[in-house]
N, C-alpha and C. Protein backbone atom coordinates (compact mmCIF):
# COMPACT_ATOMS: atom_id res chain seq x y z
N MET A 1 0.85 -1.18 0.00
CA MET A 1 0.00 0.00 0.00
C MET A 1 0.89 1.24 0.00
N LYS A 2 0.65 2.11 -0.96
CA LYS A 2 1.33 3.40 -1.00
C LYS A 2 0.38 4.41 -0.36
N ASN A 3 0.88 5.13 0.63
CA ASN A 3 0.08 6.14 1.31
C ASN A 3 0.80 7.48 1.12
N ILE A 4 0.32 8.28 0.19
CA ILE A 4 1.00 9.50 -0.22
C ILE A 4 0.25 10.70 0.33
N GLU A 5 0.95 11.50 1.13
CA GLU A 5 0.40 12.76 1.63
C GLU A 5 0.96 13.88 0.74
N PHE A 6 0.11 14.81 0.37
CA PHE A 6 0.56 15.90 -0.50
C PHE A 6 1.09 17.08 0.30
N THR A 7 2.04 16.76 1.20
CA THR A 7 2.78 17.78 1.93
C THR A 7 4.18 17.83 1.33
N LYS A 8 4.87 18.94 1.50
CA LYS A 8 6.16 19.15 0.86
C LYS A 8 7.13 18.01 1.14
N GLY A 9 7.71 17.46 0.07
CA GLY A 9 8.71 16.41 0.18
C GLY A 9 8.15 15.00 0.30
N ASN A 10 6.82 14.84 0.34
CA ASN A 10 6.23 13.52 0.55
C ASN A 10 5.53 12.93 -0.67
N TRP A 11 5.51 13.63 -1.79
CA TRP A 11 4.79 13.11 -2.95
C TRP A 11 5.59 13.18 -4.25
N GLU A 12 6.58 14.04 -4.31
CA GLU A 12 7.26 14.34 -5.57
C GLU A 12 7.92 13.13 -6.23
N ASN A 13 8.42 12.18 -5.46
CA ASN A 13 9.11 11.02 -6.03
C ASN A 13 8.19 10.00 -6.68
N PHE A 14 6.89 10.06 -6.38
CA PHE A 14 5.93 9.09 -6.92
C PHE A 14 5.34 9.52 -8.27
N PHE A 15 5.45 10.82 -8.60
CA PHE A 15 4.72 11.38 -9.74
C PHE A 15 5.61 12.15 -10.69
N GLU A 16 5.08 12.31 -11.91
CA GLU A 16 5.66 13.20 -12.90
C GLU A 16 4.54 14.11 -13.40
N TYR A 17 4.87 15.36 -13.68
CA TYR A 17 3.87 16.23 -14.30
C TYR A 17 3.60 15.74 -15.71
N ALA A 18 2.35 15.76 -16.09
CA ALA A 18 1.93 15.40 -17.45
C ALA A 18 0.79 16.33 -17.82
N TYR A 19 0.69 16.66 -19.09
CA TYR A 19 -0.26 17.68 -19.52
C TYR A 19 -1.12 17.18 -20.67
N THR A 20 -2.40 17.47 -20.58
CA THR A 20 -3.30 17.14 -21.67
C THR A 20 -2.90 17.90 -22.92
N THR A 21 -3.09 17.28 -24.06
CA THR A 21 -2.79 17.96 -25.33
C THR A 21 -3.84 19.02 -25.67
N ARG A 22 -4.92 19.10 -24.87
CA ARG A 22 -5.97 20.08 -25.13
C ARG A 22 -5.52 21.52 -24.91
N PHE A 23 -4.52 21.72 -24.03
CA PHE A 23 -4.08 23.08 -23.69
C PHE A 23 -2.57 23.19 -23.82
N PRO A 24 -2.06 24.38 -24.17
CA PRO A 24 -0.62 24.54 -24.35
C PRO A 24 0.15 24.76 -23.05
N PHE A 25 -0.53 25.03 -21.96
CA PHE A 25 0.12 25.42 -20.71
C PHE A 25 0.71 24.23 -19.96
N THR A 26 1.75 24.50 -19.16
CA THR A 26 2.40 23.46 -18.37
C THR A 26 2.54 23.92 -16.91
N PRO A 27 1.43 24.14 -16.23
CA PRO A 27 1.48 24.66 -14.86
C PRO A 27 1.86 23.59 -13.83
N LYS A 28 2.44 24.04 -12.76
CA LYS A 28 2.76 23.17 -11.62
C LYS A 28 1.71 23.38 -10.54
N PHE A 29 1.59 22.41 -9.64
CA PHE A 29 0.72 22.57 -8.49
C PHE A 29 1.34 23.57 -7.51
N VAL A 30 0.50 24.24 -6.76
CA VAL A 30 0.93 25.14 -5.69
C VAL A 30 1.01 24.30 -4.42
N GLN A 31 2.17 24.31 -3.77
CA GLN A 31 2.32 23.56 -2.53
C GLN A 31 1.76 24.38 -1.39
N GLU A 32 0.75 23.85 -0.71
CA GLU A 32 0.21 24.48 0.48
C GLU A 32 0.68 23.66 1.68
N GLU A 33 0.30 24.07 2.88
CA GLU A 33 0.81 23.40 4.09
C GLU A 33 0.44 21.92 4.14
N ASP A 34 -0.83 21.58 3.84
CA ASP A 34 -1.28 20.20 3.98
C ASP A 34 -1.82 19.60 2.68
N CYS A 35 -1.55 20.26 1.55
CA CYS A 35 -2.10 19.79 0.27
C CYS A 35 -1.40 20.49 -0.89
N ILE A 36 -1.80 20.10 -2.10
CA ILE A 36 -1.40 20.84 -3.30
C ILE A 36 -2.68 21.34 -3.97
N SER A 37 -2.57 22.44 -4.70
CA SER A 37 -3.74 22.98 -5.40
C SER A 37 -3.32 23.51 -6.76
N ASN A 38 -4.28 23.55 -7.68
CA ASN A 38 -4.01 24.17 -8.97
C ASN A 38 -4.13 25.68 -8.80
N GLY A 39 -3.57 26.42 -9.74
CA GLY A 39 -3.58 27.87 -9.62
C GLY A 39 -4.56 28.55 -10.56
N ARG A 40 -4.49 29.85 -10.57
CA ARG A 40 -5.32 30.66 -11.46
C ARG A 40 -4.55 30.92 -12.75
N ASN A 41 -5.27 31.00 -13.85
CA ASN A 41 -4.64 31.27 -15.15
C ASN A 41 -5.61 32.09 -15.99
N PRO A 42 -5.39 33.40 -16.11
CA PRO A 42 -6.31 34.24 -16.87
C PRO A 42 -6.38 33.91 -18.36
N GLU A 43 -5.40 33.14 -18.85
CA GLU A 43 -5.42 32.76 -20.26
C GLU A 43 -6.35 31.58 -20.56
N MET A 44 -6.76 30.86 -19.52
CA MET A 44 -7.71 29.77 -19.70
C MET A 44 -9.12 30.34 -19.68
N SER A 45 -10.03 29.72 -20.42
CA SER A 45 -11.40 30.24 -20.53
C SER A 45 -12.11 30.31 -19.19
N ASP A 46 -11.81 29.38 -18.27
CA ASP A 46 -12.46 29.42 -16.95
C ASP A 46 -11.61 30.13 -15.90
N GLY A 47 -10.38 30.55 -16.27
CA GLY A 47 -9.53 31.32 -15.37
C GLY A 47 -8.66 30.50 -14.43
N PHE A 48 -8.59 29.16 -14.64
CA PHE A 48 -7.84 28.31 -13.72
C PHE A 48 -6.94 27.34 -14.49
N ASP A 49 -5.81 27.00 -13.84
CA ASP A 49 -4.90 26.02 -14.43
C ASP A 49 -5.52 24.64 -14.45
N TYR A 50 -5.17 23.88 -15.48
CA TYR A 50 -5.51 22.47 -15.63
C TYR A 50 -4.18 21.75 -15.37
N THR A 51 -4.00 21.22 -14.16
CA THR A 51 -2.72 20.67 -13.73
C THR A 51 -2.87 19.19 -13.38
N THR A 52 -1.94 18.36 -13.91
CA THR A 52 -2.00 16.92 -13.68
C THR A 52 -0.63 16.38 -13.28
N ILE A 53 -0.65 15.47 -12.31
CA ILE A 53 0.53 14.65 -12.03
C ILE A 53 0.11 13.20 -12.23
N MET A 54 1.03 12.39 -12.78
CA MET A 54 0.78 10.97 -13.06
C MET A 54 1.77 10.11 -12.28
N THR A 55 1.29 8.96 -11.83
CA THR A 55 2.21 8.01 -11.19
C THR A 55 3.26 7.58 -12.21
N LYS A 56 4.48 7.42 -11.72
CA LYS A 56 5.55 6.93 -12.60
C LYS A 56 5.30 5.48 -12.98
N GLU A 57 4.65 4.77 -12.10
CA GLU A 57 4.38 3.34 -12.27
C GLU A 57 2.96 3.16 -12.84
N LYS A 58 2.73 2.05 -13.52
CA LYS A 58 1.40 1.70 -14.01
C LYS A 58 0.75 0.68 -13.09
N PHE A 59 -0.57 0.67 -13.08
CA PHE A 59 -1.34 -0.22 -12.23
C PHE A 59 -2.44 -0.90 -13.04
N GLY A 60 -2.82 -2.12 -12.63
CA GLY A 60 -3.81 -2.88 -13.37
C GLY A 60 -5.03 -3.26 -12.55
N ALA A 61 -5.84 -4.15 -13.12
CA ALA A 61 -7.07 -4.60 -12.48
C ALA A 61 -6.80 -5.10 -11.07
N GLY A 62 -7.69 -4.77 -10.16
CA GLY A 62 -7.53 -5.14 -8.76
C GLY A 62 -6.95 -4.02 -7.92
N THR A 63 -6.36 -3.01 -8.56
CA THR A 63 -5.81 -1.87 -7.83
C THR A 63 -6.95 -1.04 -7.25
N LYS A 64 -6.77 -0.64 -6.00
CA LYS A 64 -7.75 0.22 -5.33
C LYS A 64 -7.05 1.51 -4.94
N LEU A 65 -7.77 2.62 -5.07
CA LEU A 65 -7.18 3.89 -4.66
C LEU A 65 -8.21 4.75 -3.96
N TRP A 66 -7.68 5.59 -3.08
CA TRP A 66 -8.51 6.52 -2.31
C TRP A 66 -7.86 7.89 -2.44
N ALA A 67 -8.59 8.84 -2.98
CA ALA A 67 -8.09 10.21 -3.13
C ALA A 67 -8.92 11.12 -2.24
N THR A 68 -8.24 11.93 -1.42
CA THR A 68 -8.92 12.90 -0.58
C THR A 68 -8.69 14.28 -1.20
N CYS A 69 -9.79 14.96 -1.49
CA CYS A 69 -9.71 16.24 -2.20
C CYS A 69 -10.85 17.16 -1.79
N SER A 70 -10.75 18.42 -2.21
CA SER A 70 -11.82 19.39 -2.00
C SER A 70 -11.81 20.38 -3.15
N PHE A 71 -12.86 21.18 -3.22
CA PHE A 71 -12.93 22.23 -4.25
C PHE A 71 -13.58 23.46 -3.65
N GLU A 72 -13.22 24.62 -4.20
CA GLU A 72 -13.81 25.89 -3.76
C GLU A 72 -15.03 26.21 -4.60
N GLU A 73 -16.12 26.53 -3.95
CA GLU A 73 -17.36 27.01 -4.60
C GLU A 73 -17.91 26.01 -5.60
N TYR A 74 -17.17 25.72 -6.63
CA TYR A 74 -17.46 24.67 -7.59
C TYR A 74 -16.09 24.16 -8.02
N GLY A 75 -16.02 23.07 -8.68
CA GLY A 75 -14.70 22.61 -9.10
C GLY A 75 -14.75 21.21 -9.66
N ALA A 76 -13.58 20.70 -10.01
CA ALA A 76 -13.54 19.40 -10.64
C ALA A 76 -12.21 18.70 -10.37
N PRO A 77 -11.95 18.31 -9.11
CA PRO A 77 -10.79 17.45 -8.91
C PRO A 77 -11.09 16.10 -9.55
N LEU A 78 -10.11 15.53 -10.22
CA LEU A 78 -10.40 14.29 -10.93
C LEU A 78 -9.22 13.34 -10.95
N ILE A 79 -9.55 12.07 -11.18
CA ILE A 79 -8.56 11.01 -11.39
C ILE A 79 -8.49 10.77 -12.89
N THR A 80 -7.28 10.77 -13.42
CA THR A 80 -7.04 10.55 -14.85
C THR A 80 -6.35 9.21 -15.02
N LEU A 81 -6.86 8.38 -15.93
CA LEU A 81 -6.29 7.05 -16.19
C LEU A 81 -5.85 6.98 -17.65
N THR A 82 -4.56 6.75 -17.87
CA THR A 82 -4.04 6.62 -19.23
C THR A 82 -2.85 5.67 -19.25
N ASP A 83 -2.63 5.05 -20.39
CA ASP A 83 -1.46 4.18 -20.51
C ASP A 83 -0.38 4.79 -21.40
N LYS A 84 -0.68 5.95 -22.00
CA LYS A 84 0.26 6.54 -22.95
C LYS A 84 0.67 7.94 -22.54
N LEU A 85 1.95 8.07 -22.18
CA LEU A 85 2.55 9.37 -21.92
C LEU A 85 3.67 9.53 -22.93
N LYS A 86 3.71 10.67 -23.60
CA LYS A 86 4.78 10.89 -24.58
C LYS A 86 5.35 12.28 -24.40
N LYS A 87 6.65 12.43 -24.66
CA LYS A 87 7.30 13.73 -24.50
C LYS A 87 7.05 14.59 -25.73
N ASP A 88 6.77 15.87 -25.48
CA ASP A 88 6.59 16.82 -26.58
C ASP A 88 7.93 17.43 -26.95
N GLU A 89 7.91 18.41 -27.87
CA GLU A 89 9.15 19.03 -28.36
C GLU A 89 9.89 19.79 -27.27
N ASN A 90 9.22 20.12 -26.16
CA ASN A 90 9.86 20.82 -25.04
C ASN A 90 10.30 19.88 -23.93
N GLY A 91 10.08 18.57 -24.13
CA GLY A 91 10.46 17.59 -23.12
C GLY A 91 9.41 17.38 -22.04
N ASP A 92 8.23 17.99 -22.20
CA ASP A 92 7.14 17.80 -21.23
C ASP A 92 6.34 16.56 -21.59
N LEU A 93 5.90 15.81 -20.58
CA LEU A 93 5.04 14.66 -20.82
C LEU A 93 3.65 15.13 -21.20
N ARG A 94 3.07 14.50 -22.21
CA ARG A 94 1.72 14.82 -22.68
C ARG A 94 0.90 13.55 -22.76
N TYR A 95 -0.43 13.71 -22.67
CA TYR A 95 -1.36 12.61 -22.87
C TYR A 95 -2.58 13.15 -23.58
N ASP A 96 -3.28 12.24 -24.27
CA ASP A 96 -4.54 12.62 -24.91
C ASP A 96 -5.61 11.59 -24.57
N VAL A 97 -5.50 10.36 -25.06
CA VAL A 97 -6.49 9.32 -24.80
C VAL A 97 -6.44 8.94 -23.32
N CYS A 98 -7.60 9.03 -22.65
CA CYS A 98 -7.64 8.74 -21.22
C CYS A 98 -9.10 8.62 -20.77
N TYR A 99 -9.25 8.24 -19.53
CA TYR A 99 -10.54 8.32 -18.85
C TYR A 99 -10.37 9.29 -17.69
N GLU A 100 -11.38 10.13 -17.47
CA GLU A 100 -11.37 11.06 -16.35
C GLU A 100 -12.54 10.73 -15.42
N VAL A 101 -12.24 10.55 -14.15
CA VAL A 101 -13.26 10.31 -13.13
C VAL A 101 -13.35 11.61 -12.32
N VAL A 102 -14.44 12.34 -12.51
CA VAL A 102 -14.56 13.70 -12.01
C VAL A 102 -15.50 13.77 -10.81
N LEU A 103 -15.01 14.39 -9.75
CA LEU A 103 -15.82 14.71 -8.58
C LEU A 103 -16.17 16.19 -8.71
N TRP A 104 -17.44 16.52 -8.62
CA TRP A 104 -17.82 17.94 -8.72
C TRP A 104 -19.04 18.21 -7.87
N GLU A 105 -19.45 19.45 -7.80
CA GLU A 105 -20.52 19.84 -6.87
C GLU A 105 -21.84 19.13 -7.13
N ASN A 106 -22.03 18.60 -8.33
CA ASN A 106 -23.26 17.89 -8.66
C ASN A 106 -23.08 16.39 -8.83
N GLY A 107 -22.00 15.82 -8.25
CA GLY A 107 -21.85 14.38 -8.26
C GLY A 107 -20.58 13.86 -8.90
N ILE A 108 -20.76 12.85 -9.77
CA ILE A 108 -19.64 12.16 -10.42
C ILE A 108 -19.90 12.12 -11.92
N ASN A 109 -18.87 12.40 -12.70
CA ASN A 109 -18.90 12.16 -14.14
C ASN A 109 -17.69 11.32 -14.50
N VAL A 110 -17.83 10.45 -15.48
CA VAL A 110 -16.69 9.75 -16.07
C VAL A 110 -16.68 10.10 -17.55
N TRP A 111 -15.54 10.63 -18.00
CA TRP A 111 -15.38 11.04 -19.40
C TRP A 111 -14.42 10.11 -20.12
N ASP A 112 -14.78 9.73 -21.31
CA ASP A 112 -13.95 8.93 -22.21
C ASP A 112 -13.34 9.91 -23.22
N MET A 113 -12.02 10.11 -23.16
CA MET A 113 -11.31 11.00 -24.08
C MET A 113 -10.66 10.10 -25.13
N PHE A 114 -10.96 10.35 -26.41
CA PHE A 114 -10.49 9.47 -27.47
C PHE A 114 -10.14 10.28 -28.71
N ILE A 115 -9.40 9.65 -29.62
CA ILE A 115 -9.02 10.28 -30.88
C ILE A 115 -9.94 9.75 -31.97
N GLU A 116 -10.52 10.66 -32.73
CA GLU A 116 -11.36 10.30 -33.87
C GLU A 116 -11.00 11.22 -35.03
N ASN A 117 -10.65 10.62 -36.15
CA ASN A 117 -10.21 11.39 -37.32
C ASN A 117 -9.10 12.38 -36.98
N GLY A 118 -8.15 11.93 -36.16
CA GLY A 118 -7.01 12.75 -35.79
C GLY A 118 -7.30 13.86 -34.79
N GLU A 119 -8.50 13.88 -34.25
CA GLU A 119 -8.90 14.95 -33.33
C GLU A 119 -9.30 14.37 -31.98
N LEU A 120 -8.91 15.06 -30.88
CA LEU A 120 -9.29 14.62 -29.54
C LEU A 120 -10.75 14.97 -29.30
N LYS A 121 -11.53 13.97 -28.93
CA LYS A 121 -12.95 14.16 -28.65
C LYS A 121 -13.25 13.51 -27.30
N TRP A 122 -14.43 13.77 -26.76
CA TRP A 122 -14.81 13.17 -25.49
C TRP A 122 -16.30 12.97 -25.44
N GLU A 123 -16.67 11.93 -24.68
CA GLU A 123 -18.09 11.68 -24.42
C GLU A 123 -18.22 11.16 -23.00
N LYS A 124 -19.38 11.42 -22.43
CA LYS A 124 -19.64 11.03 -21.05
C LYS A 124 -19.97 9.54 -21.01
N ALA A 125 -19.22 8.81 -20.18
CA ALA A 125 -19.46 7.38 -20.00
C ALA A 125 -20.38 7.12 -18.81
N LEU A 126 -20.44 8.08 -17.88
CA LEU A 126 -21.25 7.92 -16.68
C LEU A 126 -21.53 9.28 -16.06
N SER A 127 -22.73 9.46 -15.53
CA SER A 127 -23.06 10.65 -14.77
C SER A 127 -24.01 10.24 -13.64
N ILE A 128 -23.62 10.52 -12.41
CA ILE A 128 -24.46 10.27 -11.24
C ILE A 128 -24.65 11.62 -10.55
N ASP A 129 -25.90 12.06 -10.45
CA ASP A 129 -26.19 13.37 -9.88
C ASP A 129 -26.51 13.27 -8.39
N PHE A 130 -25.76 14.01 -7.59
CA PHE A 130 -26.03 14.20 -6.17
C PHE A 130 -25.20 15.40 -5.73
N SER A 131 -25.55 15.98 -4.62
CA SER A 131 -24.92 17.21 -4.17
C SER A 131 -23.67 16.93 -3.34
N LEU A 132 -22.59 17.65 -3.65
CA LEU A 132 -21.35 17.59 -2.86
C LEU A 132 -21.00 19.00 -2.42
N ALA A 133 -20.72 19.18 -1.16
CA ALA A 133 -20.44 20.50 -0.61
C ALA A 133 -19.05 20.98 -0.98
N ALA A 134 -18.95 22.27 -1.25
CA ALA A 134 -17.66 22.91 -1.51
C ALA A 134 -16.96 23.18 -0.19
N GLY A 135 -15.62 23.27 -0.25
CA GLY A 135 -14.85 23.67 0.90
C GLY A 135 -14.64 22.63 1.98
N ILE A 136 -15.07 21.38 1.73
CA ILE A 136 -14.80 20.31 2.69
C ILE A 136 -14.13 19.14 1.96
N LYS A 137 -13.45 18.30 2.72
CA LYS A 137 -12.75 17.16 2.13
C LYS A 137 -13.74 16.06 1.76
N HIS A 138 -13.51 15.49 0.58
CA HIS A 138 -14.27 14.33 0.11
C HIS A 138 -13.28 13.23 -0.21
N GLU A 139 -13.65 11.97 0.09
CA GLU A 139 -12.81 10.85 -0.30
C GLU A 139 -13.47 10.11 -1.45
N MET A 140 -12.71 9.97 -2.53
CA MET A 140 -13.18 9.24 -3.70
C MET A 140 -12.41 7.92 -3.75
N HIS A 141 -13.14 6.81 -3.74
CA HIS A 141 -12.53 5.48 -3.81
C HIS A 141 -12.79 4.92 -5.21
N ILE A 142 -11.74 4.43 -5.84
CA ILE A 142 -11.86 3.85 -7.19
C ILE A 142 -11.15 2.50 -7.20
N GLU A 143 -11.80 1.52 -7.80
CA GLU A 143 -11.19 0.21 -7.98
C GLU A 143 -11.10 -0.07 -9.48
N LEU A 144 -9.89 -0.38 -9.94
CA LEU A 144 -9.70 -0.73 -11.35
C LEU A 144 -10.12 -2.18 -11.56
N MET A 145 -10.91 -2.42 -12.60
CA MET A 145 -11.36 -3.76 -12.94
C MET A 145 -10.98 -4.03 -14.40
N GLN A 146 -11.17 -5.25 -14.84
CA GLN A 146 -10.99 -5.55 -16.26
C GLN A 146 -12.07 -4.79 -17.04
N LYS A 147 -11.66 -3.85 -17.87
CA LYS A 147 -12.59 -3.09 -18.72
C LYS A 147 -13.65 -2.33 -17.93
N GLY A 148 -13.27 -1.81 -16.76
CA GLY A 148 -14.21 -1.00 -16.01
C GLY A 148 -13.62 -0.52 -14.70
N ILE A 149 -14.40 0.30 -14.00
CA ILE A 149 -14.00 0.80 -12.70
C ILE A 149 -15.22 0.82 -11.77
N ARG A 150 -14.92 0.75 -10.50
CA ARG A 150 -15.93 0.93 -9.46
C ARG A 150 -15.59 2.23 -8.74
N ILE A 151 -16.60 3.04 -8.46
CA ILE A 151 -16.40 4.33 -7.79
C ILE A 151 -17.29 4.37 -6.56
N VAL A 152 -16.70 4.78 -5.43
CA VAL A 152 -17.47 4.95 -4.20
C VAL A 152 -17.17 6.34 -3.64
N ILE A 153 -18.23 7.11 -3.43
CA ILE A 153 -18.12 8.41 -2.76
C ILE A 153 -19.28 8.47 -1.76
N GLY A 154 -18.94 8.51 -0.49
CA GLY A 154 -19.98 8.49 0.55
C GLY A 154 -20.81 7.23 0.42
N ASP A 155 -22.13 7.38 0.33
CA ASP A 155 -23.00 6.21 0.20
C ASP A 155 -23.29 5.84 -1.25
N LYS A 156 -22.65 6.52 -2.19
CA LYS A 156 -22.83 6.21 -3.61
C LYS A 156 -21.79 5.18 -4.02
N ASP A 157 -22.23 4.10 -4.65
CA ASP A 157 -21.36 3.01 -5.06
C ASP A 157 -21.82 2.55 -6.44
N VAL A 158 -20.99 2.78 -7.46
CA VAL A 158 -21.40 2.49 -8.83
C VAL A 158 -20.23 1.90 -9.61
N SER A 159 -20.53 1.02 -10.54
CA SER A 159 -19.52 0.47 -11.45
C SER A 159 -19.89 0.86 -12.87
N VAL A 160 -18.87 1.07 -13.69
CA VAL A 160 -19.11 1.43 -15.09
C VAL A 160 -18.14 0.64 -15.97
N ARG A 161 -18.66 0.11 -17.05
CA ARG A 161 -17.83 -0.60 -18.03
C ARG A 161 -17.14 0.42 -18.91
N LEU A 162 -15.83 0.27 -19.08
CA LEU A 162 -15.03 1.14 -19.93
C LEU A 162 -14.32 0.24 -20.93
N GLU A 163 -14.93 0.06 -22.05
CA GLU A 163 -14.49 -0.93 -23.04
C GLU A 163 -13.03 -0.74 -23.45
N ASN A 164 -12.55 0.49 -23.51
CA ASN A 164 -11.18 0.75 -23.97
C ASN A 164 -10.19 1.00 -22.85
N LEU A 165 -10.56 0.66 -21.61
CA LEU A 165 -9.63 0.84 -20.50
C LEU A 165 -8.43 -0.09 -20.70
N PRO A 166 -7.21 0.47 -20.78
CA PRO A 166 -6.04 -0.37 -20.97
C PRO A 166 -5.81 -1.31 -19.79
N GLU A 167 -5.03 -2.35 -20.04
CA GLU A 167 -4.76 -3.35 -19.00
C GLU A 167 -4.01 -2.73 -17.82
N ASN A 168 -3.08 -1.82 -18.10
CA ASN A 168 -2.31 -1.13 -17.07
C ASN A 168 -2.30 0.36 -17.37
N VAL A 169 -2.48 1.18 -16.32
CA VAL A 169 -2.57 2.63 -16.51
C VAL A 169 -1.74 3.39 -15.48
N HIS A 170 -1.31 4.57 -15.89
CA HIS A 170 -0.80 5.55 -14.94
C HIS A 170 -2.02 6.15 -14.26
N ILE A 171 -1.90 6.43 -12.98
CA ILE A 171 -2.99 7.07 -12.24
C ILE A 171 -2.61 8.53 -12.03
N GLY A 172 -3.44 9.40 -12.56
CA GLY A 172 -3.18 10.82 -12.45
C GLY A 172 -4.17 11.52 -11.55
N ILE A 173 -3.73 12.63 -10.99
CA ILE A 173 -4.60 13.50 -10.22
C ILE A 173 -4.57 14.86 -10.89
N THR A 174 -5.76 15.39 -11.15
CA THR A 174 -5.87 16.65 -11.89
C THR A 174 -6.73 17.64 -11.11
N GLY A 175 -6.31 18.90 -11.17
CA GLY A 175 -7.12 19.99 -10.65
C GLY A 175 -7.47 20.91 -11.80
N CYS A 176 -8.74 21.28 -11.92
CA CYS A 176 -9.17 22.19 -12.98
C CYS A 176 -10.51 22.81 -12.59
N GLU A 177 -10.95 23.81 -13.34
CA GLU A 177 -12.25 24.44 -13.13
C GLU A 177 -12.43 24.90 -11.69
N ASN A 178 -11.79 25.95 -11.32
CA ASN A 178 -11.73 26.54 -10.00
C ASN A 178 -10.56 25.93 -9.23
N ILE A 179 -10.41 26.33 -7.97
CA ILE A 179 -9.29 25.84 -7.16
C ILE A 179 -9.69 24.50 -6.52
N ASN A 180 -8.85 23.50 -6.76
CA ASN A 180 -9.04 22.16 -6.21
C ASN A 180 -7.84 21.84 -5.33
N ARG A 181 -8.11 21.23 -4.19
CA ARG A 181 -7.04 20.85 -3.28
C ARG A 181 -6.98 19.33 -3.17
N LEU A 182 -5.75 18.81 -3.21
CA LEU A 182 -5.52 17.36 -3.15
C LEU A 182 -4.68 17.08 -1.91
N TYR A 183 -5.22 16.28 -0.99
CA TYR A 183 -4.59 16.06 0.31
C TYR A 183 -3.83 14.75 0.40
N SER A 184 -4.39 13.69 -0.16
CA SER A 184 -3.71 12.40 -0.05
C SER A 184 -4.19 11.45 -1.14
N LEU A 185 -3.37 10.45 -1.40
CA LEU A 185 -3.72 9.38 -2.33
C LEU A 185 -3.16 8.09 -1.76
N LYS A 186 -4.03 7.10 -1.59
CA LYS A 186 -3.59 5.76 -1.18
C LYS A 186 -3.81 4.85 -2.36
N ILE A 187 -2.82 4.02 -2.64
CA ILE A 187 -2.92 3.05 -3.73
C ILE A 187 -2.57 1.68 -3.20
N ASP A 188 -3.51 0.74 -3.35
CA ASP A 188 -3.30 -0.65 -2.92
C ASP A 188 -3.34 -1.52 -4.18
N SER A 189 -2.18 -2.02 -4.58
CA SER A 189 -2.12 -2.87 -5.77
C SER A 189 -1.88 -4.32 -5.41
N SER A 190 -1.95 -4.67 -4.11
CA SER A 190 -1.81 -6.08 -3.72
C SER A 190 -3.09 -6.81 -4.02
N LYS A 191 -2.97 -8.04 -4.45
CA LYS A 191 -4.16 -8.82 -4.84
C LYS A 191 -4.57 -9.73 -3.70
């Protein structure tokens, strides 16, 4: 079991910054006393950085993870799952095809990001509507399965089939759409 606290010096060795190909920016997380958060960016349409860190290691079916996070007013802290990271011309890691498991003020969304005719597109694979309060910590539990995931938040427990989920994935944590704070990530890959 990896138990990672997002306090200074306790998380950096497990992750690498990686950036979606959707945006040109390469922002870093802001280190706060007990967490990391994404920053503000006036060049983005919503005014906030889209910041992702990915595990250096890949994980497969049977892996369980628990992410503790919060958001201000509204927001979208999310878990990103991808098997392909590639370096761009500046040496930054980039990804495009992935699944995003989003926690937000109105529940959970799962997005399938895919390439069609050379263009990155996305469609919603799952949406569960329920209210989540801003400004407090929420724990999101995810279990990787063969071609699917199980998500538990509070008393909500749902599984979704993801036909194109790779056998092994990097696990990413992303902050976007307002300020999101990430406090801890536990990963259990023992079977």
